[in-house]
N, C-alpha and C. Protein backbone atom coordinates (compact mmCIF):
# COMPACT_ATOMS: atom_id res chain seq x y z
N MET A 1 -7.62 9.42 -9.24
CA MET A 1 -6.28 8.68 -9.00
C MET A 1 -6.64 7.78 -7.88
N PRO A 2 -6.37 6.18 -7.30
CA PRO A 2 -6.92 6.01 -6.40
C PRO A 2 -5.72 6.36 -5.06
N GLY A 3 -6.15 6.46 -4.20
CA GLY A 3 -5.53 6.64 -2.79
C GLY A 3 -4.63 5.06 -2.64
N ILE A 4 -3.89 5.28 -1.55
CA ILE A 4 -2.59 4.18 -1.41
C ILE A 4 -4.48 3.20 -0.49
N LEU A 5 -4.75 4.03 0.72
CA LEU A 5 -5.97 2.93 1.37
C LEU A 5 -6.96 2.27 0.44
N TYR A 6 -7.28 2.72 -1.00
CA TYR A 6 -8.10 1.68 -1.93
C TYR A 6 -7.23 1.26 -1.58
N LEU A 7 -6.17 1.39 -2.86
CA LEU A 7 -4.94 0.02 -3.21
C LEU A 7 -5.09 -0.94 -2.87
N THR A 8 -4.82 -0.89 -1.07
CA THR A 8 -4.61 -1.69 -0.11
C THR A 8 -5.44 -2.74 -0.25
N ARG A 9 -6.92 -2.17 0.25
CA ARG A 9 -7.95 -2.80 0.14
C ARG A 9 -7.94 -3.59 -0.73
N GLN A 10 -7.94 -3.70 -2.60
CA GLN A 10 -8.28 -4.25 -3.39
C GLN A 10 -7.29 -5.10 -3.61
N ALA A 11 -6.04 -5.12 -2.89
CA ALA A 11 -4.94 -5.75 -3.31
C ALA A 11 -5.37 -7.21 -1.88
N ALA A 12 -6.01 -6.54 -1.17
CA ALA A 12 -6.62 -7.88 0.40
C ALA A 12 -7.41 -8.27 -0.39
N ALA A 13 -8.44 -7.69 -1.28
CA ALA A 13 -9.78 -9.20 -0.97
C ALA A 13 -9.35 -9.68 -2.84
N LEU A 14 -7.90 -9.38 -3.70
CA LEU A 14 -7.50 -9.95 -4.27
C LEU A 14 -6.82 -11.50 -4.13
N LEU A 15 -6.41 -11.00 -3.06
CA LEU A 15 -5.24 -12.07 -2.69
C LEU A 15 -6.19 -13.20 -1.93
N ARG A 16 -7.36 -12.35 -1.12
CA ARG A 16 -8.57 -13.72 -0.32
C ARG A 16 -9.19 -14.27 -1.37
N PHE A 17 -9.43 -14.08 -2.10
CA PHE A 17 -10.12 -14.49 -3.16
C PHE A 17 -9.35 -15.48 -4.21
N ALA A 18 -8.20 -14.64 -3.77
CA ALA A 18 -6.82 -16.44 -4.60
C ALA A 18 -6.63 -17.08 -4.06
N ASN A 19 -6.74 -16.92 -2.67
CA ASN A 19 -7.13 -18.08 -1.76
C ASN A 19 -8.10 -18.92 -1.48
N SER A 20 -9.02 -18.15 -2.13
CA SER A 20 -10.54 -19.25 -2.09
C SER A 20 -10.50 -19.85 -3.04
N THR A 21 -9.92 -19.50 -4.47
CA THR A 21 -9.94 -20.63 -5.81
C THR A 21 -9.08 -22.03 -5.42
N SER A 22 -10.09 -22.86 -6.24
CA SER A 22 -9.26 -23.80 -6.06
C SER A 22 -8.69 -24.18 -8.31
N ASN A 23 -8.62 -23.18 -8.87
CA ASN A 23 -7.62 -22.91 -9.60
C ASN A 23 -6.51 -22.23 -9.61
N PRO A 24 -5.77 -22.28 -10.23
CA PRO A 24 -4.28 -22.50 -9.79
C PRO A 24 -3.81 -20.84 -10.98
N ARG A 25 -4.27 -21.12 -11.94
CA ARG A 25 -3.81 -19.90 -13.04
C ARG A 25 -4.52 -18.85 -12.95
N LEU A 26 -6.09 -18.92 -11.84
CA LEU A 26 -6.69 -17.74 -11.70
C LEU A 26 -5.75 -17.32 -10.61
N ALA A 27 -5.23 -18.38 -9.52
CA ALA A 27 -5.50 -17.24 -8.00
C ALA A 27 -3.54 -17.58 -8.61
N ALA A 28 -2.90 -17.14 -9.59
CA ALA A 28 -1.77 -17.09 -9.98
C ALA A 28 -1.89 -15.21 -10.75
N ALA A 29 -2.58 -15.12 -11.54
CA ALA A 29 -3.06 -13.97 -12.25
C ALA A 29 -3.12 -12.99 -10.93
N LEU A 30 -4.31 -13.42 -10.13
CA LEU A 30 -5.03 -12.43 -8.76
C LEU A 30 -3.41 -12.10 -7.93
N VAL A 31 -2.75 -13.03 -7.47
CA VAL A 31 -1.52 -12.79 -6.99
C VAL A 31 -1.12 -11.68 -7.51
N GLU A 32 -0.32 -11.96 -9.23
CA GLU A 32 -0.30 -11.06 -9.66
C GLU A 32 -0.42 -9.59 -9.52
N ARG A 33 -1.95 -9.63 -9.39
CA ARG A 33 -2.38 -8.35 -9.85
C ARG A 33 -2.06 -7.69 -8.79
N ALA A 34 -2.53 -8.10 -7.39
CA ALA A 34 -2.07 -7.82 -6.11
C ALA A 34 -0.80 -7.57 -5.99
N SER A 35 -0.22 -8.02 -6.70
CA SER A 35 1.19 -7.86 -6.31
C SER A 35 1.47 -6.19 -7.28
N GLN A 36 0.88 -6.01 -8.27
CA GLN A 36 0.91 -4.58 -8.52
C GLN A 36 0.23 -3.30 -7.91
N LEU A 37 -0.13 -3.77 -7.23
CA LEU A 37 -1.57 -2.65 -6.69
C LEU A 37 -0.38 -2.21 -5.19
N LYS A 38 -0.31 -3.55 -4.33
CA LYS A 38 0.53 -3.04 -4.10
C LYS A 38 2.11 -1.82 -3.94
N SER A 39 2.44 -2.58 -5.65
CA SER A 39 3.36 -1.62 -5.88
C SER A 39 3.02 -0.32 -6.04
N GLN A 40 2.20 0.00 -7.12
CA GLN A 40 1.70 1.13 -7.27
C GLN A 40 1.39 2.15 -5.15
N ALA A 41 0.53 1.69 -4.18
CA ALA A 41 0.62 1.81 -2.86
C ALA A 41 1.35 2.27 -2.08
N ASP A 42 3.26 1.36 -2.53
CA ASP A 42 4.27 2.07 -2.27
C ASP A 42 4.94 2.68 -3.09
N GLU A 43 4.48 2.91 -4.36
CA GLU A 43 5.33 4.58 -5.17
C GLU A 43 4.37 5.58 -3.96
N ARG A 44 2.70 5.51 -3.87
CA ARG A 44 1.99 6.88 -4.02
C ARG A 44 2.93 7.21 -2.04
N ALA A 45 2.65 6.06 -1.29
CA ALA A 45 3.06 6.20 -0.25
C ALA A 45 4.81 7.27 -0.13
N SER A 46 5.65 6.29 -0.71
CA SER A 46 6.91 7.37 -0.86
C SER A 46 6.95 8.30 -1.30
N SER A 47 5.78 8.73 -1.69
CA SER A 47 6.07 10.34 -2.47
C SER A 47 5.07 11.00 -1.68
N ARG A 48 4.69 10.72 -0.70
CA ARG A 48 4.08 12.05 -0.18
C ARG A 48 5.07 12.87 0.71
N PRO A 49 5.00 14.06 0.80
CA PRO A 49 5.23 14.72 1.72
C PRO A 49 5.73 13.84 3.37
N ASP A 50 6.83 14.66 4.13
CA ASP A 50 6.31 14.42 5.87
C ASP A 50 5.79 15.36 5.88
N PRO A 51 4.56 13.72 7.11
CA PRO A 51 3.50 15.35 7.66
C PRO A 51 3.85 15.70 9.21
N SER A 52 5.20 15.04 9.59
CA SER A 52 5.70 15.57 10.89
C SER A 52 5.38 17.30 10.50
N PRO A 53 5.05 18.30 11.84
CA PRO A 53 4.33 19.03 12.08
C PRO A 53 5.68 20.52 11.95
N TYR A 54 6.77 20.02 11.99
CA TYR A 54 8.33 20.52 12.08
C TYR A 54 8.52 21.00 10.33
N PRO A 55 9.69 21.58 10.04
CA PRO A 55 10.46 21.32 9.03
C PRO A 55 11.67 20.68 9.35
N PRO A 56 12.29 19.96 8.44
CA PRO A 56 13.26 19.02 9.03
C PRO A 56 14.22 19.13 9.51
N ASP A 57 14.80 20.67 8.83
CA ASP A 57 15.25 21.66 10.06
C ASP A 57 15.98 21.85 11.46
N VAL A 58 14.69 21.62 11.79
CA VAL A 58 14.13 21.84 13.42
C VAL A 58 13.87 20.66 14.08
N GLU A 59 14.55 20.76 14.88
CA GLU A 59 14.71 19.68 16.36
C GLU A 59 13.94 20.76 17.61
N ASN A 60 12.97 19.57 18.07
CA ASN A 60 12.53 19.14 19.01
C ASN A 60 12.89 19.74 19.98
N ASP A 61 13.42 20.00 21.06
CA ASP A 61 13.63 20.81 22.65
C ASP A 61 12.71 19.56 23.20
N ASP A 62 13.02 19.32 24.26
CA ASP A 62 11.60 18.44 24.87
C ASP A 62 12.64 18.52 26.41
N THR A 63 12.74 19.68 26.70
CA THR A 63 13.67 20.07 28.40
C THR A 63 12.53 20.18 29.42
N THR A 64 11.53 19.54 29.70
CA THR A 64 10.54 19.40 30.81
C THR A 64 10.64 18.48 31.46
């Protein structure tokens, strides 16, 4: 299962390649695939637990 960083880098590489090609059909296919990879990365990012060190029901009092 690829990670978020991997998916993001792959999408960026596809977009760079799509930008450099003169074939419009290939460019469209690459952009579509990059969009799919970005969606996968977004789904994985939203399914991750909150990385904060405090439980959600605890407020941090900074009274210094």
